[in-house]
């Protein structure tokens, strides 16, 4: 069985208000050195907001894995 590990530089966006996501990500992404995970849950709207932020700010990323699509790895 795979063990999910969360590093201190990972961020969990569960329960966050969508309109605050850009500010939250800006603070987190520029204060932490990749790689780290952004945990989005399965909300397509949340994933799109995160991906839009990452692309707009030229971050490299990879969405989840075949077992868990609820996070984005910032590389």
Protein backbone atom coordinates (compact mmCIF):
# COMPACT_ATOMS: atom_id res chain seq x y z
CA UNK A 1 0.00 0.00 0.00
CA UNK A 2 1.22 3.50 -0.86
CA UNK A 3 1.60 5.94 1.95
CA UNK A 4 0.62 9.56 1.29
CA UNK A 5 3.17 11.87 2.78
CA UNK A 6 2.67 15.57 3.24
CA UNK A 7 5.77 17.76 3.52
CA UNK A 8 5.71 21.04 5.39
CA UNK A 9 6.03 22.90 2.08
CA UNK A 10 2.86 21.24 0.72
CA UNK A 11 -0.35 23.25 0.87
CA UNK A 12 -3.91 21.96 1.31
CA UNK A 13 -6.59 24.13 -0.30
CA UNK A 14 -9.58 22.13 1.01
CA UNK A 15 -12.18 24.54 2.35
CA UNK A 16 -10.47 27.64 0.96
CA UNK A 17 -12.60 30.29 -0.75
CA UNK A 18 -11.98 30.25 -4.52
CA UNK A 19 -11.64 34.03 -4.76
CA UNK A 20 -8.70 33.90 -2.30
CA UNK A 21 -6.73 31.21 -4.15
CA UNK A 22 -4.49 33.53 -6.21
CA UNK A 23 -3.34 35.40 -3.09
CA UNK A 24 -2.82 32.18 -1.13
CA UNK A 25 -0.83 30.62 -3.97
CA UNK A 26 1.24 33.74 -4.58
CA UNK A 27 2.33 33.79 -0.94
CA UNK A 28 2.98 30.05 -0.81
CA UNK A 29 4.71 29.58 -4.17
CA UNK A 30 7.14 32.44 -3.71
CA UNK A 31 8.01 31.55 -0.11
CA UNK A 32 8.62 27.83 -0.74
CA UNK A 33 11.05 26.14 -3.07
CA UNK A 34 9.62 23.41 -5.33
CA UNK A 35 8.99 20.57 -5.42
CA UNK A 36 5.83 20.65 -3.33
CA UNK A 37 2.22 19.55 -3.65
CA UNK A 38 -0.87 21.71 -3.90
CA UNK A 39 -3.74 19.59 -2.61
CA UNK A 40 -6.88 20.61 -4.47
CA UNK A 41 -9.28 17.78 -3.79
CA UNK A 42 -11.45 16.74 -6.71
CA UNK A 43 -12.97 20.16 -7.45
CA UNK A 44 -12.47 20.91 -11.14
CA UNK A 45 -12.98 24.63 -10.46
CA UNK A 46 -10.19 24.60 -7.84
CA UNK A 47 -7.85 22.66 -10.15
CA UNK A 48 -8.47 25.13 -12.99
CA UNK A 49 -7.75 28.12 -10.72
CA UNK A 50 -4.50 26.54 -9.49
CA UNK A 51 -3.37 25.57 -13.01
CA UNK A 52 -4.20 29.04 -14.35
CA UNK A 53 -2.10 30.60 -11.57
CA UNK A 54 0.83 28.23 -12.18
CA UNK A 55 0.80 28.79 -15.94
CA UNK A 56 0.45 32.57 -15.60
CA UNK A 57 3.48 32.60 -13.29
CA UNK A 58 5.58 30.14 -15.33
CA UNK A 59 5.69 27.34 -12.77
CA UNK A 60 6.25 23.81 -14.02
CA UNK A 61 3.69 21.33 -12.69
CA UNK A 62 2.20 17.87 -13.06
CA UNK A 63 -1.35 16.91 -12.14
CA UNK A 64 -1.80 14.05 -9.68
CA UNK A 65 -1.21 10.42 -10.52
CA UNK A 66 -3.33 7.53 -11.74
CA UNK A 67 -4.53 6.73 -8.20
CA UNK A 68 -5.11 10.25 -6.92
CA UNK A 69 -6.04 13.24 -9.08
CA UNK A 70 -6.67 15.51 -6.07
CA UNK A 71 -3.32 17.28 -6.09
CA UNK A 72 -0.86 19.08 -8.34
CA UNK A 73 2.91 18.68 -8.03
CA UNK A 74 4.84 21.90 -8.53
CA UNK A 75 8.19 20.88 -9.99
